[in-house]
Amino acid sequence: MPLDFQLVLLRRMADHNPDLVEDARRRLGVSIADMRETNKRWQAMVRSPRSRSAAARYRSVLGEPESVLPRRLGDVDCEARRWALPLWPDLRFEVLVGPDGAVWNEWLVRAPGAPAPRLETLEDLVPWSCTVDEAARAFAPARPLEGTAPTRWGLAFTAPGPDGVRHEVVAEFTWGLLQRTAVLT
């Protein structure tokens, strides 16, 4: 089932990077029709009135998490459940689950021990190169922006261009993975 879930992630990313998604889909050995059908089944499962909780849904689709880590957000304890996905070996799909079992967040994060990318200039911000938290740390202070869909996030920050001049940038992420940037100034 991880194959199907990777196709769901790719389907949302196709809006921003169809060429990268096409390459990934080919590596996985599936057709466009397969990807659409898998996404259709996923959406039906998510929207079903008899749907499982989001936390149970991920476990049923992805199996047991590779790791379950305690996490404290403010004054609330939660769990970070992580799964490996073959398409992105240096990343993990992380689901933050609150004390009541509700899913608070779901996104790709860097795998433990995997090297983080070097993020110093605009040129380093290439699609699929970094996660939202890596970009936020590298270009602090970064301001979070509301995404255009539940699995999308944005960050506003300044970053130096090749000439060293700092520019205002908006970076867009899908499932926590960088999709594109726009230079505002």
C-alpha atoms as a PDB file:
ATOM      1  CA  MET A   1       0.000   0.000   0.000  1.00  0.00           C
ATOM      2  CA  PRO A   2       2.889   2.509   0.337  1.00  0.00           C
ATOM      3  CA  LEU A   3       2.897   2.593  -3.483  1.00  0.00           C
ATOM      4  CA  ASP A   4      -0.711   3.770  -3.526  1.00  0.00           C
ATOM      5  CA  PHE A   5      -0.040   6.388  -0.877  1.00  0.00           C
ATOM      6  CA  GLN A   6       2.956   7.735  -2.802  1.00  0.00           C
ATOM      7  CA  LEU A   7       0.645   8.164  -5.797  1.00  0.00           C
ATOM      8  CA  VAL A   8      -1.744  10.180  -3.625  1.00  0.00           C
ATOM      9  CA  LEU A   9       1.118  12.473  -2.604  1.00  0.00           C
ATOM     10  CA  LEU A  10       2.261  12.797  -6.206  1.00  0.00           C
ATOM     11  CA  ARG A  11      -1.236  13.623  -7.443  1.00  0.00           C
ATOM     12  CA  ARG A  12      -1.360  16.752  -5.272  1.00  0.00           C
ATOM     13  CA  MET A  13       2.203  17.698  -6.288  1.00  0.00           C
ATOM     14  CA  ALA A  14       1.373  17.384 -10.007  1.00  0.00           C
ATOM     15  CA  ASP A  15      -0.315  20.793  -9.919  1.00  0.00           C
ATOM     16  CA  HIS A  16       3.081  22.438  -9.329  1.00  0.00           C
ATOM     17  CA  ASN A  17       5.659  20.095 -10.843  1.00  0.00           C
ATOM     18  CA  PRO A  18       4.154  17.855 -13.508  1.00  0.00           C
ATOM     19  CA  ASP A  19       7.577  16.921 -14.927  1.00  0.00           C
ATOM     20  CA  LEU A  20       8.949  15.755 -11.567  1.00  0.00           C
ATOM     21  CA  VAL A  21       5.732  13.855 -10.901  1.00  0.00           C
ATOM     22  CA  GLU A  22       5.875  12.251 -14.347  1.00  0.00           C
ATOM     23  CA  ASP A  23       9.443  11.060 -13.715  1.00  0.00           C
ATOM     24  CA  ALA A  24       8.489   9.696 -10.294  1.00  0.00           C
ATOM     25  CA  ARG A  25       5.390   7.969 -11.675  1.00  0.00           C
ATOM     26  CA  ARG A  26       7.513   6.262 -14.340  1.00  0.00           C
ATOM     27  CA  ARG A  27      10.050   5.136 -11.707  1.00  0.00           C
ATOM     28  CA  LEU A  28       7.163   3.584  -9.803  1.00  0.00           C
ATOM     29  CA  GLY A  29       5.968   1.862 -12.980  1.00  0.00           C
ATOM     30  CA  VAL A  30       2.398   3.151 -12.951  1.00  0.00           C
ATOM     31  CA  SER A  31       0.260   4.890 -15.527  1.00  0.00           C
ATOM     32  CA  ILE A  32      -1.482   8.246 -15.236  1.00  0.00           C
ATOM     33  CA  ALA A  33      -4.777   6.354 -15.115  1.00  0.00           C
ATOM     34  CA  ASP A  34      -3.473   4.258 -12.186  1.00  0.00           C
ATOM     35  CA  MET A  35      -2.467   7.411 -10.331  1.00  0.00           C
ATOM     36  CA  ARG A  36      -5.861   9.030 -10.903  1.00  0.00           C
ATOM     37  CA  GLU A  37      -7.729   5.888  -9.854  1.00  0.00           C
ATOM     38  CA  THR A  38      -5.639   5.549  -6.688  1.00  0.00           C
ATOM     39  CA  ASN A  39      -6.294   9.188  -5.808  1.00  0.00           C
ATOM     40  CA  LYS A  40     -10.021   8.703  -6.482  1.00  0.00           C
ATOM     41  CA  ARG A  41     -10.098   5.741  -4.043  1.00  0.00           C
ATOM     42  CA  TRP A  42      -8.188   7.761  -1.445  1.00  0.00           C
ATOM     43  CA  GLN A  43     -10.576  10.709  -1.726  1.00  0.00           C
ATOM     44  CA  ALA A  44     -13.576   8.381  -1.432  1.00  0.00           C
ATOM     45  CA  MET A  45     -12.060   6.829   1.700  1.00  0.00           C
ATOM     46  CA  VAL A  46     -11.365  10.243   3.239  1.00  0.00           C
ATOM     47  CA  ARG A  47     -14.851  11.552   2.485  1.00  0.00           C
ATOM     48  CA  SER A  48     -16.801   8.407   3.385  1.00  0.00           C
ATOM     49  CA  PRO A  49     -19.332   8.877   6.208  1.00  0.00           C
ATOM     50  CA  ARG A  50     -18.028   5.579   7.629  1.00  0.00           C
ATOM     51  CA  SER A  51     -14.424   6.678   7.305  1.00  0.00           C
ATOM     52  CA  ARG A  52     -11.887   5.693   9.922  1.00  0.00           C
ATOM     53  CA  SER A  53     -10.092   8.372  11.877  1.00  0.00           C
ATOM     54  CA  ALA A  54      -7.189   9.912   9.967  1.00  0.00           C
ATOM     55  CA  ALA A  55      -4.698   8.239  12.327  1.00  0.00           C
ATOM     56  CA  ALA A  56      -6.295   4.810  11.750  1.00  0.00           C
ATOM     57  CA  ARG A  57      -6.468   5.448   7.995  1.00  0.00           C
ATOM     58  CA  TYR A  58      -2.711   6.071   7.754  1.00  0.00           C
ATOM     59  CA  ARG A  59      -1.962   2.945   9.779  1.00  0.00           C
ATOM     60  CA  SER A  60      -4.261   0.854   7.558  1.00  0.00           C
ATOM     61  CA  VAL A  61      -2.699   2.215   4.354  1.00  0.00           C
ATOM     62  CA  LEU A  62       0.953   2.406   5.433  1.00  0.00           C
ATOM     63  CA  GLY A  63       1.141  -0.295   8.101  1.00  0.00           C
ATOM     64  CA  GLU A  64       2.872   0.105  11.425  1.00  0.00           C
ATOM     65  CA  PRO A  65       4.970   3.275  11.658  1.00  0.00           C
ATOM     66  CA  GLU A  66       8.733   2.947  11.356  1.00  0.00           C
ATOM     67  CA  SER A  67       8.943   5.046  14.515  1.00  0.00           C
ATOM     68  CA  VAL A  68       6.666   6.664  17.077  1.00  0.00           C
ATOM     69  CA  LEU A  69       8.255   9.596  18.890  1.00  0.00           C
ATOM     70  CA  PRO A  70       6.866  11.655  21.760  1.00  0.00           C
ATOM     71  CA  ARG A  71       6.574  15.325  20.848  1.00  0.00           C
ATOM     72  CA  ARG A  72       5.643  18.318  22.944  1.00  0.00           C
ATOM     73  CA  LEU A  73       3.953  21.278  21.260  1.00  0.00           C
ATOM     74  CA  GLY A  74       3.548  24.115  23.708  1.00  0.00           C
ATOM     75  CA  ASP A  75       2.005  22.496  26.762  1.00  0.00           C
ATOM     76  CA  VAL A  76       0.447  19.526  24.925  1.00  0.00           C
ATOM     77  CA  ASP A  77       2.007  16.110  24.396  1.00  0.00           C
ATOM     78  CA  CYS A  78       1.485  14.320  21.096  1.00  0.00           C
ATOM     79  CA  GLU A  79       3.058  11.579  18.992  1.00  0.00           C
ATOM     80  CA  ALA A  80       5.021  11.881  15.774  1.00  0.00           C
ATOM     81  CA  ARG A  81       4.385   8.716  13.753  1.00  0.00           C
ATOM     82  CA  ARG A  82       6.750   8.233  10.818  1.00  0.00           C
ATOM     83  CA  TRP A  83       6.766   5.969   7.780  1.00  0.00           C
ATOM     84  CA  ALA A  84       9.441   5.404   5.124  1.00  0.00           C
ATOM     85  CA  LEU A  85       8.368   5.874   1.506  1.00  0.00           C
ATOM     86  CA  PRO A  86      10.593   4.317  -1.184  1.00  0.00           C
ATOM     87  CA  LEU A  87      10.178   7.265  -3.564  1.00  0.00           C
ATOM     88  CA  TRP A  88      11.822   9.622  -1.049  1.00  0.00           C
ATOM     89  CA  PRO A  89      14.389   7.536   0.884  1.00  0.00           C
ATOM     90  CA  ASP A  90      15.811  10.576   2.712  1.00  0.00           C
ATOM     91  CA  LEU A  91      12.376  11.645   3.956  1.00  0.00           C
ATOM     92  CA  ARG A  92       9.695  10.204   6.210  1.00  0.00           C
ATOM     93  CA  PHE A  93       5.966  10.779   6.103  1.00  0.00           C
ATOM     94  CA  GLU A  94       5.133  12.155   9.553  1.00  0.00           C
ATOM     95  CA  VAL A  95       1.716  12.340  11.159  1.00  0.00           C
ATOM     96  CA  LEU A  96       1.343  14.312  14.399  1.00  0.00           C
ATOM     97  CA  VAL A  97      -1.352  12.719  16.541  1.00  0.00           C
ATOM     98  CA  GLY A  98      -2.823  14.519  19.546  1.00  0.00           C
ATOM     99  CA  PRO A  99      -3.751  12.972  22.882  1.00  0.00           C
ATOM    100  CA  ASP A 100      -7.328  12.425  21.686  1.00  0.00           C
ATOM    101  CA  GLY A 101      -6.143  10.547  18.565  1.00  0.00           C
ATOM    102  CA  ALA A 102      -6.828  13.455  16.197  1.00  0.00           C
ATOM    103  CA  VAL A 103      -4.299  14.124  13.428  1.00  0.00           C
ATOM    104  CA  TRP A 104      -2.883  17.619  13.786  1.00  0.00           C
ATOM    105  CA  ASN A 105      -0.460  17.594  10.882  1.00  0.00           C
ATOM    106  CA  GLU A 106       0.724  15.323   8.071  1.00  0.00           C
ATOM    107  CA  TRP A 107       3.785  15.995   5.956  1.00  0.00           C
ATOM    108  CA  LEU A 108       7.185  14.870   4.756  1.00  0.00           C
ATOM    109  CA  VAL A 109      10.155  15.474   7.068  1.00  0.00           C
ATOM    110  CA  ARG A 110      13.863  14.657   6.809  1.00  0.00           C
ATOM    111  CA  ALA A 111      14.708  11.102   7.897  1.00  0.00           C
ATOM    112  CA  PRO A 112      16.885  10.734  10.997  1.00  0.00           C
ATOM    113  CA  GLY A 113      20.526  10.665   9.959  1.00  0.00           C
ATOM    114  CA  ALA A 114      19.824  11.851   6.391  1.00  0.00           C
ATOM    115  CA  PRO A 115      21.833  14.949   5.514  1.00  0.00           C
ATOM    116  CA  ALA A 116      19.828  18.150   5.279  1.00  0.00           C
ATOM    117  CA  PRO A 117      20.306  20.200   2.125  1.00  0.00           C
ATOM    118  CA  ARG A 118      22.514  23.269   2.098  1.00  0.00           C
ATOM    119  CA  LEU A 119      20.095  26.192   1.957  1.00  0.00           C
ATOM    120  CA  GLU A 120      21.864  29.540   1.738  1.00  0.00           C
ATOM    121  CA  THR A 121      20.616  31.330  -1.399  1.00  0.00           C
ATOM    122  CA  LEU A 122      17.676  31.413  -3.774  1.00  0.00           C
ATOM    123  CA  GLU A 123      19.552  29.038  -6.080  1.00  0.00           C
ATOM    124  CA  ASP A 124      19.435  26.339  -3.383  1.00  0.00           C
ATOM    125  CA  LEU A 125      15.625  26.393  -3.344  1.00  0.00           C
ATOM    126  CA  VAL A 126      14.882  23.893  -6.101  1.00  0.00           C
ATOM    127  CA  PRO A 127      11.677  21.840  -6.171  1.00  0.00           C
ATOM    128  CA  TRP A 128      11.676  18.760  -3.922  1.00  0.00           C
ATOM    129  CA  SER A 129      15.015  19.806  -2.366  1.00  0.00           C
ATOM    130  CA  CYS A 130      13.838  20.620   1.158  1.00  0.00           C
ATOM    131  CA  THR A 131      11.034  20.407   3.659  1.00  0.00           C
ATOM    132  CA  VAL A 132       9.057  23.297   5.071  1.00  0.00           C
ATOM    133  CA  ASP A 133      10.823  23.116   8.450  1.00  0.00           C
ATOM    134  CA  GLU A 134      14.275  23.084   6.794  1.00  0.00           C
ATOM    135  CA  ALA A 135      13.464  26.200   4.764  1.00  0.00           C
ATOM    136  CA  ALA A 136      11.984  27.925   7.820  1.00  0.00           C
ATOM    137  CA  ARG A 137      15.175  27.265   9.827  1.00  0.00           C
ATOM    138  CA  ALA A 138      17.546  28.204   6.990  1.00  0.00           C
ATOM    139  CA  PHE A 139      15.819  31.487   6.192  1.00  0.00           C
ATOM    140  CA  ALA A 140      14.633  32.527   9.651  1.00  0.00           C
ATOM    141  CA  PRO A 141      12.652  34.450  10.451  1.00  0.00           C
ATOM    142  CA  ALA A 142      10.107  32.895   8.103  1.00  0.00           C
ATOM    143  CA  ARG A 143       6.420  33.733   8.261  1.00  0.00           C
ATOM    144  CA  PRO A 144       3.971  30.868   7.684  1.00  0.00           C
ATOM    145  CA  LEU A 145       1.311  31.449   5.042  1.00  0.00           C
ATOM    146  CA  GLU A 146      -2.011  29.719   4.628  1.00  0.00           C
ATOM    147  CA  GLY A 147      -1.962  27.164   1.837  1.00  0.00           C
ATOM    148  CA  THR A 148      -4.476  26.767  -0.968  1.00  0.00           C
ATOM    149  CA  ALA A 149      -5.467  23.263   0.199  1.00  0.00           C
ATOM    150  CA  PRO A 150      -5.173  21.269   3.438  1.00  0.00           C
ATOM    151  CA  THR A 151      -1.920  19.614   2.334  1.00  0.00           C
ATOM    152  CA  ARG A 152      -0.283  22.850   1.197  1.00  0.00           C
ATOM    153  CA  TRP A 153       1.753  25.390   3.150  1.00  0.00           C
ATOM    154  CA  GLY A 154       3.567  28.570   2.348  1.00  0.00           C
ATOM    155  CA  LEU A 155       6.469  30.479   3.854  1.00  0.00           C
ATOM    156  CA  ALA A 156       7.467  34.108   3.353  1.00  0.00           C
ATOM    157  CA  PHE A 157      11.078  35.053   4.058  1.00  0.00           C
ATOM    158  CA  THR A 158      14.076  36.863   2.637  1.00  0.00           C
ATOM    159  CA  ALA A 159      16.947  35.073   0.917  1.00  0.00           C
ATOM    160  CA  PRO A 160      20.036  36.270  -0.913  1.00  0.00           C
ATOM    161  CA  GLY A 161      20.242  35.923  -4.671  1.00  0.00           C
ATOM    162  CA  PRO A 162      23.431  34.960  -6.516  1.00  0.00           C
ATOM    163  CA  ASP A 163      24.583  38.582  -6.306  1.00  0.00           C
ATOM    164  CA  GLY A 164      24.129  38.655  -2.510  1.00  0.00           C
ATOM    165  CA  VAL A 165      21.133  41.015  -2.652  1.00  0.00           C
ATOM    166  CA  ARG A 166      18.332  39.878  -0.351  1.00  0.00           C
ATOM    167  CA  HIS A 167      14.925  39.268  -1.907  1.00  0.00           C
ATOM    168  CA  GLU A 168      11.466  38.723  -0.491  1.00  0.00           C
ATOM    169  CA  VAL A 169      10.422  35.177  -1.320  1.00  0.00           C
ATOM    170  CA  VAL A 170       7.267  33.106  -1.060  1.00  0.00           C
ATOM    171  CA  ALA A 171       7.873  29.355  -1.048  1.00  0.00           C
ATOM    172  CA  GLU A 172       5.063  26.864  -1.631  1.00  0.00           C
ATOM    173  CA  PHE A 173       5.071  23.361  -0.157  1.00  0.00           C
ATOM    174  CA  THR A 174       2.855  20.343  -0.759  1.00  0.00           C
ATOM    175  CA  TRP A 175       2.836  17.612   1.873  1.00  0.00           C
ATOM    176  CA  GLY A 176       5.739  19.553   3.435  1.00  0.00           C
ATOM    177  CA  LEU A 177       8.015  19.292   0.369  1.00  0.00           C
ATOM    178  CA  LEU A 178       9.141  22.406  -1.546  1.00  0.00           C
ATOM    179  CA  GLN A 179       7.295  22.777  -4.848  1.00  0.00           C
ATOM    180  CA  ARG A 180       8.160  26.275  -6.063  1.00  0.00           C
ATOM    181  CA  THR A 181       9.303  29.727  -5.052  1.00  0.00           C
ATOM    182  CA  ALA A 182       8.330  33.186  -6.191  1.00  0.00           C
ATOM    183  CA  VAL A 183      10.613  36.172  -5.795  1.00  0.00           C
ATOM    184  CA  LEU A 184       8.573  39.242  -4.867  1.00  0.00           C
ATOM    185  CA  THR A 185      11.355  41.857  -4.825  1.00  0.00           C
END
